[in-house]
């Protein structure tokens, strides 16, 4: 299931997605939550079971 659409807006040269995970929709009291990606392939071709891509990392989902 897609979590959002990828696009190119503002000062960017490539389509990209920004995301933020919080514990509430009330922006006065919400707190950020940790997140991890599951089952992805790094740009180098490494299969990652769970982790957080490095800044600027290009990843590919593993079906």
Foldseek 3Di string as FASTA:
>chain_A
DDPDDWDDDDPDDDTDDDDWAWPDPPVVDIDTDDDKDAFKAWPVGDTDGIGDDDVPIDIGHDD
